[in-house]
Structure formats: C-alpha cells, structure tokens
Protein backbone atom coordinates (compact mmCIF):
# COMPACT_ATOMS: atom_id res chain seq x y z
CA MET A 1 -53.17 79.98 -64.00
CA LYS A 2 -54.71 81.81 -61.06
CA TYR A 3 -56.92 79.97 -58.60
CA PHE A 4 -58.97 81.25 -55.68
CA PHE A 5 -59.49 79.45 -52.37
CA GLN A 6 -62.38 80.37 -50.10
CA LEU A 7 -60.84 80.17 -46.65
CA GLY A 8 -62.52 78.55 -43.66
CA THR A 9 -63.44 80.16 -40.35
CA ASN A 10 -59.75 80.44 -39.40
CA PRO A 11 -58.05 82.22 -42.35
CA THR A 12 -54.58 81.86 -40.84
CA LEU A 13 -54.85 78.10 -40.49
CA SER A 14 -56.42 77.74 -43.95
CA THR A 15 -53.65 79.84 -45.49
CA ALA A 16 -50.90 77.86 -43.76
CA GLU A 17 -52.37 74.60 -45.07
CA ILE A 18 -52.62 75.83 -48.68
CA ILE A 19 -49.03 77.11 -48.60
CA SER A 20 -47.84 73.77 -47.27
CA VAL A 21 -49.67 71.74 -49.92
CA PHE A 22 -48.96 74.00 -52.91
CA TYR A 23 -45.37 74.72 -51.92
CA ASP A 24 -44.33 75.05 -55.60
CA ALA A 25 -46.81 77.84 -56.44
CA LYS A 26 -45.36 81.10 -57.77
CA ASN A 27 -47.39 83.58 -55.80
CA PHE A 28 -49.91 83.81 -52.98
CA GLU A 29 -52.11 86.83 -52.18
CA ILE A 30 -54.68 87.22 -49.43
CA ILE A 31 -57.19 89.41 -51.27
CA ASN A 32 -59.61 89.75 -48.35
CA LYS A 33 -60.57 87.85 -45.19
CA ASP A 34 -62.30 85.11 -47.20
CA ILE A 35 -60.15 84.66 -50.29
CA LEU A 36 -56.58 83.61 -51.05
CA ILE A 37 -55.34 83.79 -54.64
CA MET A 38 -52.64 81.39 -55.85
CA GLU A 39 -50.76 81.43 -59.13
CA ILE A 40 -49.39 78.08 -60.28
CA GLU A 41 -47.97 76.86 -63.59
CA ASN A 42 -49.60 73.44 -63.75
CA GLU A 43 -53.31 72.77 -63.46
CA PHE A 44 -54.37 70.46 -60.66
CA ASN A 45 -57.41 68.36 -59.88
CA SER A 46 -59.46 70.67 -57.67
CA GLN A 47 -62.01 67.94 -56.88
CA ASP A 48 -59.25 65.74 -55.50
CA ALA A 49 -57.53 68.60 -53.69
CA ILE A 50 -60.59 69.90 -51.83
CA LYS A 51 -61.29 66.44 -50.41
CA LYS A 52 -57.92 66.67 -48.65
CA LEU A 53 -57.85 70.36 -47.70
CA GLY A 54 -59.60 70.66 -44.36
CA GLY A 55 -59.50 74.46 -44.25
CA THR A 56 -60.83 75.31 -47.73
CA ILE A 57 -64.53 75.76 -48.54
CA LYS A 58 -64.34 76.31 -52.32
CA ILE A 59 -61.70 76.25 -55.07
CA GLY A 60 -62.08 77.94 -58.43
CA LYS A 61 -60.37 79.72 -61.30
CA ILE A 62 -59.88 83.46 -61.67
CA LEU A 63 -61.02 84.31 -65.20
CA GLU A 64 -61.28 88.10 -65.49
CA SER A 65 -60.24 91.35 -63.83
CA SER A 66 -62.95 93.95 -63.72
CA ASN A 67 -64.38 97.07 -62.16
CA ARG A 68 -67.90 97.57 -60.88
CA ASN A 69 -69.10 99.17 -64.11
CA ASN A 70 -68.12 96.39 -66.51
CA LEU A 71 -68.84 93.33 -64.36
CA LEU A 72 -71.76 92.21 -66.52
CA GLU A 73 -69.73 92.33 -69.72
CA ASN A 74 -66.92 90.31 -68.14
CA ILE A 75 -69.36 87.75 -66.71
CA LYS A 76 -70.89 87.25 -70.18
CA LYS A 77 -67.44 86.10 -71.36
CA ILE A 78 -67.34 83.21 -68.89
CA LEU A 79 -70.89 81.92 -69.32
CA ASN A 80 -70.90 78.63 -71.19
CA PRO A 81 -74.48 77.34 -71.13
CA LYS A 82 -74.91 73.58 -71.40
CA GLU A 83 -77.78 71.77 -73.06
CA GLY A 84 -81.01 71.81 -71.13
CA LYS A 85 -81.83 74.28 -68.36
CA PHE A 86 -78.81 76.36 -67.34
CA HIS A 87 -78.47 77.01 -63.60
CA PHE A 88 -76.34 79.87 -62.28
CA GLY A 89 -75.67 81.55 -58.96
CA ILE A 90 -73.54 84.45 -57.73
CA SER A 91 -71.37 84.80 -54.63
CA PHE A 92 -69.79 88.11 -53.64
CA PHE A 93 -66.76 88.29 -51.36
CA GLY A 94 -66.00 91.78 -50.16
CA LYS A 95 -66.65 94.38 -47.47
CA GLY A 96 -68.98 96.64 -49.40
CA GLN A 97 -72.63 96.27 -50.33
CA PHE A 98 -73.33 94.41 -53.53
CA ASN A 99 -76.68 93.68 -55.13
CA THR A 100 -76.22 90.12 -56.44
CA LYS A 101 -79.94 89.82 -57.20
CA LYS A 102 -79.92 92.82 -59.54
CA LEU A 103 -76.87 91.45 -61.36
CA GLY A 104 -78.46 88.00 -61.50
CA MET A 105 -81.59 89.38 -63.14
CA GLU A 106 -79.45 91.15 -65.76
CA ILE A 107 -77.66 87.86 -66.52
CA LYS A 108 -81.01 86.08 -66.70
CA LYS A 109 -82.31 88.68 -69.18
CA TYR A 110 -79.18 88.30 -71.31
CA LEU A 111 -79.52 84.48 -71.41
CA ARG A 112 -83.19 84.61 -72.30
CA GLU A 113 -82.43 86.98 -75.16
CA LYS A 114 -80.14 84.20 -76.40
CA ASN A 115 -83.07 81.74 -76.08
CA ILE A 116 -81.33 79.91 -73.23
CA SER A 117 -83.61 78.47 -70.55
CA CYS A 118 -82.09 79.34 -67.18
CA ARG A 119 -82.63 79.40 -63.44
CA PHE A 120 -81.05 81.91 -61.07
CA VAL A 121 -80.12 80.23 -57.76
CA THR A 122 -80.28 82.66 -54.81
CA SER A 123 -79.61 82.69 -51.09
CA ARG A 124 -80.32 85.02 -48.19
CA GLU A 125 -76.59 85.47 -47.76
CA LYS A 126 -74.31 87.29 -50.20
CA THR A 127 -72.39 84.06 -50.73
CA LEU A 128 -73.83 80.67 -51.65
CA SER A 129 -72.94 77.90 -49.25
CA SER A 130 -71.34 74.63 -50.40
CA VAL A 131 -74.69 72.98 -49.63
CA VAL A 132 -76.60 75.36 -51.93
CA VAL A 133 -74.02 74.95 -54.72
CA GLU A 134 -74.08 71.16 -54.46
CA GLN A 135 -77.82 70.68 -54.07
CA ASN A 136 -78.58 72.96 -57.02
CA LYS A 137 -76.01 71.17 -59.20
CA LEU A 138 -74.26 74.41 -60.15
CA LEU A 139 -70.97 72.64 -60.82
CA ARG A 140 -72.56 70.03 -63.11
CA ASN A 141 -75.46 71.81 -64.80
CA GLY A 142 -74.38 75.41 -64.60
CA ILE A 143 -71.99 77.82 -62.94
CA GLU A 144 -71.34 79.59 -59.66
CA ILE A 145 -70.00 83.03 -60.56
CA ILE A 146 -67.59 84.42 -57.96
CA ILE A 147 -67.04 88.17 -57.62
CA ILE A 148 -64.14 89.11 -55.36
CA GLU A 149 -63.49 92.63 -54.11
CA SER A 150 -59.83 93.20 -53.39
CA GLU A 151 -58.78 94.87 -50.14
CA ILE A 152 -55.20 95.29 -51.32
CA ARG A 153 -55.84 96.87 -54.74
CA GLU A 154 -58.07 99.89 -55.07
CA SER A 155 -61.22 99.61 -57.20
CA ARG A 156 -60.42 96.13 -58.39
CA PHE A 157 -62.77 93.21 -58.78
CA LEU A 158 -61.92 89.69 -59.84
CA VAL A 159 -64.40 87.39 -61.57
CA GLY A 160 -64.07 83.65 -61.16
CA GLN A 161 -65.83 80.33 -61.46
CA THR A 162 -66.13 77.71 -58.71
CA LEU A 163 -64.63 74.31 -59.60
CA SER A 164 -65.18 72.36 -56.38
CA VAL A 165 -66.77 72.69 -52.94
CA GLN A 166 -66.01 71.06 -49.60
CA PRO A 167 -67.50 67.55 -49.42
CA PHE A 168 -69.71 68.28 -46.41
CA LYS A 169 -71.64 65.01 -46.63
CA GLU A 170 -68.49 62.88 -46.55
CA LEU A 171 -67.00 64.85 -43.66
CA SER A 172 -70.18 64.44 -41.62
CA LYS A 173 -70.32 60.72 -42.41
CA ARG A 174 -66.73 60.21 -41.24
CA ASP A 175 -67.28 62.29 -38.11
CA TYR A 176 -70.61 60.87 -36.97
CA GLY A 177 -70.89 57.62 -38.90
CA ARG A 178 -67.73 55.89 -37.72
CA PRO A 179 -68.32 52.76 -35.66
CA ALA A 180 -66.24 53.82 -32.63
CA ARG A 181 -66.64 57.27 -31.08
CA ASP A 182 -65.56 58.64 -27.72
CA ASP A 183 -67.51 61.83 -27.10
CA GLN A 184 -66.53 61.82 -23.43
CA SER A 185 -62.84 62.33 -24.20
CA GLY A 186 -63.48 64.87 -26.93
CA MET A 187 -62.75 64.30 -30.60
CA LEU A 188 -60.61 66.14 -33.09
CA PRO A 189 -62.73 67.36 -36.05
CA PRO A 190 -61.75 65.54 -39.29
CA LYS A 191 -61.15 68.90 -41.01
CA LEU A 192 -58.61 69.93 -38.38
CA ALA A 193 -56.95 66.51 -38.62
CA GLN A 194 -56.57 67.03 -42.39
CA ILE A 195 -55.03 70.47 -41.86
CA MET A 196 -52.53 69.18 -39.31
CA ILE A 197 -51.46 66.32 -41.59
CA ASN A 198 -50.97 68.75 -44.47
CA LEU A 199 -48.85 71.00 -42.26
CA SER A 200 -46.59 68.08 -41.35
CA LEU A 201 -45.37 66.82 -44.71
CA SER A 202 -44.46 68.21 -48.13
CA PRO A 203 -44.89 67.07 -50.78
CA SER A 204 -48.26 65.52 -50.11
CA PRO A 205 -49.41 62.40 -51.99
CA TYR A 206 -51.51 64.41 -54.45
CA GLN A 207 -48.82 67.02 -55.10
CA GLY A 208 -45.96 64.75 -56.10
CA GLY A 209 -45.23 62.71 -52.97
CA GLY A 210 -45.74 58.98 -52.90
CA GLY A 211 -47.48 58.69 -49.58
CA GLY A 212 -44.69 56.41 -48.37
CA GLU A 213 -43.86 58.58 -45.39
CA VAL A 214 -44.34 57.15 -41.91
CA ILE A 215 -46.85 59.14 -39.83
CA LEU A 216 -47.18 58.59 -36.10
CA ASP A 217 -49.99 59.64 -33.77
CA PRO A 218 -48.83 58.80 -30.22
CA PHE A 219 -52.12 59.93 -28.59
CA CYS A 220 -54.33 58.29 -31.19
CA GLY A 221 -57.64 58.29 -29.25
CA SER A 222 -60.27 56.93 -31.62
CA GLY A 223 -58.00 57.36 -34.63
CA THR A 224 -59.22 60.52 -36.38
CA ILE A 225 -55.75 61.61 -37.53
CA LEU A 226 -54.81 58.13 -38.74
CA THR A 227 -58.10 57.55 -40.60
CA GLU A 228 -57.81 60.93 -42.34
CA ALA A 229 -54.17 60.19 -43.26
CA MET A 230 -55.28 56.86 -44.73
CA LEU A 231 -57.89 58.64 -46.88
CA MET A 232 -55.31 61.22 -47.98
CA GLY A 233 -53.10 58.49 -49.42
CA TYR A 234 -50.48 57.94 -46.73
CA LYS A 235 -49.66 54.26 -46.54
CA ASN A 236 -47.48 53.79 -43.44
CA LEU A 237 -49.30 54.71 -40.25
CA ILE A 238 -48.47 54.11 -36.61
CA GLY A 239 -50.68 54.87 -33.63
CA SER A 240 -50.26 54.42 -29.91
CA ASP A 241 -52.25 55.26 -26.82
CA ILE A 242 -52.07 54.36 -23.16
CA SER A 243 -55.78 53.43 -23.22
CA GLU A 244 -56.74 49.97 -24.44
CA LYS A 245 -60.20 51.27 -25.40
CA ALA A 246 -58.55 53.94 -27.56
CA THR A 247 -56.35 51.46 -29.41
CA GLU A 248 -59.31 49.15 -30.06
CA ASP A 249 -61.44 52.08 -31.25
CA THR A 250 -58.64 53.16 -33.60
CA LYS A 251 -58.30 49.69 -35.11
CA GLN A 252 -62.06 49.45 -35.60
CA ASN A 253 -62.24 52.84 -37.29
CA LEU A 254 -59.24 52.13 -39.53
CA GLU A 255 -60.77 48.86 -40.68
CA TRP A 256 -64.07 50.67 -41.34
CA ILE A 257 -62.26 53.23 -43.51
CA LYS A 258 -60.31 50.51 -45.35
CA GLU A 259 -63.49 48.67 -46.21
CA LYS A 260 -65.74 51.66 -46.93
CA TYR A 261 -63.22 53.62 -49.01
CA GLU A 262 -61.23 50.68 -50.40
CA SER A 263 -57.94 51.87 -48.86
CA GLN A 264 -56.46 48.39 -48.88
CA ASN A 265 -52.86 49.42 -49.61
CA THR A 266 -52.32 51.14 -46.27
CA SER A 267 -50.18 49.48 -43.62
CA TYR A 268 -50.76 50.39 -39.99
CA LYS A 269 -49.57 49.35 -36.54
CA ILE A 270 -51.33 50.25 -33.31
CA TYR A 271 -49.60 49.93 -29.92
CA LYS A 272 -50.89 50.20 -26.37
CA GLU A 273 -48.07 52.34 -25.08
CA SER A 274 -47.53 55.72 -23.44
CA ALA A 275 -46.26 58.58 -25.59
CA THR A 276 -43.53 59.00 -22.99
CA GLU A 277 -42.15 55.50 -23.75
CA LEU A 278 -42.09 55.52 -27.56
CA SER A 279 -38.44 54.60 -27.93
CA LYS A 280 -39.22 51.22 -26.35
CA ILE A 281 -41.41 50.21 -29.30
CA LEU A 282 -40.13 52.28 -32.25
CA LYS A 283 -36.76 52.50 -34.01
CA LEU A 284 -34.79 55.65 -33.46
CA ASN A 285 -34.94 58.20 -36.31
CA SER A 286 -37.60 56.17 -38.14
CA ILE A 287 -40.63 58.50 -38.23
CA ASP A 288 -41.20 61.17 -40.90
CA ALA A 289 -43.89 63.13 -39.07
CA ILE A 290 -45.74 63.12 -35.77
CA VAL A 291 -49.27 64.53 -35.88
CA THR A 292 -51.21 64.44 -32.65
CA GLU A 293 -53.69 65.92 -30.23
CA PRO A 294 -52.52 64.84 -26.77
CA TYR A 295 -54.61 64.69 -23.63
CA LEU A 296 -55.84 68.27 -23.11
CA GLY A 297 -56.76 67.98 -19.45
CA PRO A 298 -60.14 67.57 -17.72
CA GLN A 299 -63.03 68.63 -19.95
CA ARG A 300 -65.74 68.65 -17.27
CA GLY A 301 -66.24 69.59 -13.65
CA LYS A 302 -64.20 71.87 -11.42
CA VAL A 303 -60.57 72.14 -12.50
CA ASN A 304 -57.54 73.23 -10.48
CA ILE A 305 -55.90 75.29 -13.24
CA GLN A 306 -52.40 75.51 -11.76
CA LYS A 307 -52.26 71.79 -10.98
CA THR A 308 -53.57 70.94 -14.46
CA ILE A 309 -51.01 73.19 -16.15
CA LYS A 310 -48.14 71.64 -14.21
CA GLU A 311 -49.26 68.07 -15.00
CA LEU A 312 -49.85 68.77 -18.69
CA GLU A 313 -46.55 70.59 -19.20
CA LYS A 314 -44.71 67.61 -17.71
CA LEU A 315 -46.63 65.17 -19.94
CA TYR A 316 -45.89 67.21 -23.07
CA SER A 317 -42.23 67.69 -22.13
CA ASP A 318 -41.72 63.96 -21.56
CA ALA A 319 -43.51 63.16 -24.82
CA LEU A 320 -41.41 65.66 -26.81
CA PHE A 321 -38.26 64.10 -25.37
CA GLU A 322 -39.39 60.79 -26.91
CA PHE A 323 -40.56 62.42 -30.14
CA LYS A 324 -37.05 63.69 -30.72
CA LYS A 325 -35.62 60.19 -30.41
CA VAL A 326 -37.90 58.51 -32.95
CA LEU A 327 -38.29 61.37 -35.46
CA LYS A 328 -36.02 61.64 -38.50
CA LEU A 329 -33.74 64.66 -38.88
CA ASN A 330 -35.77 67.62 -40.24
CA GLY A 331 -38.99 65.73 -39.46
CA LYS A 332 -41.95 67.72 -38.16
CA VAL A 333 -44.24 67.49 -35.17
CA VAL A 334 -47.68 69.09 -35.54
CA MET A 335 -49.42 68.98 -32.20
CA VAL A 336 -52.20 70.65 -30.27
CA LEU A 337 -51.62 72.39 -26.97
CA PRO A 338 -54.64 73.44 -24.90
CA LEU A 339 -55.24 77.15 -24.45
CA LEU A 340 -57.19 77.38 -21.23
CA ARG A 341 -59.76 80.04 -20.39
CA THR A 342 -57.04 82.01 -18.67
CA SER A 343 -55.36 82.31 -22.12
CA TYR A 344 -52.31 80.72 -20.54
CA GLN A 345 -49.95 79.26 -23.13
CA MET A 346 -48.44 75.91 -22.21
CA ASN A 347 -44.65 75.99 -22.08
CA PRO A 348 -43.30 72.45 -22.28
CA ASN A 349 -39.60 71.80 -22.73
CA LEU A 350 -39.08 71.65 -26.52
CA TYR A 351 -35.74 69.82 -26.26
CA GLY A 352 -34.22 71.72 -29.15
CA PHE A 353 -37.19 71.52 -31.52
CA LYS A 354 -37.55 74.67 -33.62
CA ILE A 355 -40.97 76.32 -33.88
CA VAL A 356 -41.87 76.69 -37.58
CA ASN A 357 -43.77 79.74 -38.80
CA PRO A 358 -46.08 78.28 -41.47
CA ILE A 359 -46.90 81.63 -43.13
CA LEU A 360 -44.74 83.01 -45.94
CA GLU A 361 -42.86 86.16 -44.99
CA ASN A 362 -44.65 88.39 -47.51
CA LEU A 363 -48.03 87.47 -45.99
CA ARG A 364 -47.23 87.84 -42.29
CA ASN A 365 -48.19 91.51 -42.13
CA ASN A 366 -51.57 90.95 -43.75
CA LYS A 367 -54.30 92.03 -41.33
CA ASN A 368 -56.15 88.72 -41.77
CA ILE A 369 -53.19 86.67 -40.54
CA LYS A 370 -53.19 86.13 -36.77
CA LEU A 371 -50.19 84.41 -35.19
CA THR A 372 -49.29 84.21 -31.52
CA ASN A 373 -46.14 85.75 -30.11
CA ARG A 374 -44.38 82.43 -30.76
CA ASN A 375 -45.67 81.93 -34.34
CA THR A 376 -48.38 79.41 -33.52
CA ILE A 377 -52.05 79.45 -34.57
CA ILE A 378 -55.08 79.50 -32.26
CA TYR A 379 -58.11 77.41 -33.24
CA GLY A 380 -61.44 77.62 -31.42
CA ARG A 381 -64.94 79.01 -31.38
CA GLU A 382 -66.97 81.13 -29.00
CA GLY A 383 -68.23 79.21 -26.00
CA GLN A 384 -65.55 76.54 -26.14
CA ARG A 385 -64.02 75.82 -22.76
CA VAL A 386 -60.59 74.91 -24.12
CA TRP A 387 -59.19 76.32 -27.34
CA ARG A 388 -56.42 74.67 -29.33
CA GLU A 389 -52.98 76.10 -30.05
CA ILE A 390 -51.49 74.50 -33.19
CA LEU A 391 -47.74 74.09 -32.81
CA ILE A 392 -45.46 73.10 -35.72
CA LEU A 393 -42.01 71.90 -34.65
CA GLN A 394 -39.02 70.73 -36.67
CA LYS A 395 -36.16 68.53 -35.50
C-alpha cells in the first residue's frame, strides 16, 4: 500500500521523522517539496499516527496514477458518496498552475447526474488547510481528493484521498492551555518535541515498541518534551532542571496531562539537578534516550556573542560528558543547539558520540533535503533571533 504524507514547513525534519517512525517501510520517495510517498506492507492507523507525528500535516492513500488528461476519469473511480449530502474538496500539490475549481465543477456535474446531492468545498489556496478539511467534515461526510504532481517523474500525476489531518485544536490546547508556562525562558513547540522524541527511539510505541524505554530530559523547563512523550505512550520518564520553578512547572504539567488525557500508567521522576551532575542521581548506562532543549543563551537585551558562545559550549560539553555516562550503549541523544544570528555553529566536545544522519542515503541528494555540513537539521522561521540546530547523536 502506498501512502502520502504532506510535509510540514521543514521538509527535511518531517522526512527524518517519518523515516524514523516507519523504519520497516519498503520505499520512500520525495515527490515534491510538500509530499513524501511511502510504501508499506501493513496498513496502519493514520488517525493514531498523525497525533504523534509533529512534522506531518496530512496522511492519505495513493489510489491512482494518472496524467492531466484523464484525471477526471480516475477521480470518478475513488468517489464513494455516503448517504445524505456528499462533501468534497480538492488539493493540488505541484509547481505548475492547476484549476481545481474547474475540475471541482466537473465532479459536481458528474455527481448530480447520478442524483447525488453534493457540496464542493473550496479555498483561496490551491491546497485545503487542515482547518478547512476538519471544519467541513470532509473526512467523515465526504472526501478530500489529493492531486500530486511529481517532480521526479515526467508527466505523472498521483491521485489520493486524505485519511487524517494534524490535530490543530489539541496541539493549541496543549501549548497554550497547560497550567504552567514560562514564556520568558522560551518554550519548545509541542510539534518539535514530538519530532525529537520520534528521532530518538525506534520502534515507537505505535509501531511495535512497548513504550517501556526510559526517556530523559535533563533541561526539562516546563516539561514539553516529557508531556508529549507521555501522550505518545512512553511510560518511563525522567526530567531534571537546575531551576526549582522549572521542576515544579514540569510536575504540574505532567499531572495535568495525566488527568486530562487519562495517562495514568506513566511513571515519572523529576529532579532538581544540573545536567552536568546527572551521574550523581542516575544509574550508569540506564537511559535509553535523551531528548532535550538546553539553555540557549540570553533571549533578550544586548548579548556579547563571543562570551555567550564560550559559556554555552562549555555547558553543552559538560552535559554531554554526563550524558555518555548515563546513556545505554547505542542510545541516542536528540538535542537542540542554538544557531545564532551570526550563523555560528556551536562546537561542544562530543566525547565520542557519533553524529547520526537521519536521512536515508537514496534521499540525500533530493533538492528538498537540506542538511548542514555535519548532517544536522536547521529549524527556524524568518524573524527569529535564535534558530535551532537539531543534533542526533549515538553512543
């Protein structure tokens, strides 16, 4: 079965996450900047998967291959009108111009000739957003038709059907509705936390793993990584932070998640301890994965760049020295390093950790994949003062 994934704003990071989660898939293709195609033997629950994939906007099935001239005939094959009014929408992913409204009117005419009451859902954009798909109930009372133009195969279109969309309401609720927030220190977006967790462990709980792995966040802040790990099914969580406020915020947020989402089977321990002293509180070689965003330096005011770089590189080096002690052999560290406005890459002492390239070899030359010179991924948006460099390390 072939599935499509609509990638997020950072296609490289989205691709790396999908590869990590669906490690047993037969084949991956990046068709264009928005779409990755995956072939896998066994069907999977796309509704469950998209809740735990931070970098994916939509998941669906590929149903037909086509060319521009016979698109309508191929779309007719996948229409399966339900009782009552049938809602449908069209999203086009490709570089060229495509008149979705003209095609939609042709589909509407075809359905009416079959005496099927229908409504064509449109948008100003050539793709329907997750919000439009959800609010118009296209997944329950109709269909979102996906037309994908391939950049790697000449004159080829793929026709698909959306199965699930990113749960934007839940993500917003977890980000802004949690009881303890610390906007002054900066907060990791829940979607990025999900991606980093998925990059750290395979198999994941919903792809064959039991969720029994021990995950540590030694700069836990207000607990975003740990709360997302709890929701993803991981049951053994450890957090630490040098700030007492941070540890109390983390406990409060974890308890909120446990109660709100009925995650009662998760065990967690939170310590007030520096990341550079972990071996004092944790057993050696006891942690499966470390997922963390450390202190990224001053976020406001005038900053002495050289002094900040020196201080941060020492902090990260000392922390990595401790990470190596408590991490199991072959365990992974997924951590953020700040990329300052100068584009200077931090160079802490890795103490023998190997940098992991998360992209399969056959995809690395794809023009939509952007890795740094040391096989890391940059995450940020225009106007941000500090961008994030995502580093995957293996012991």
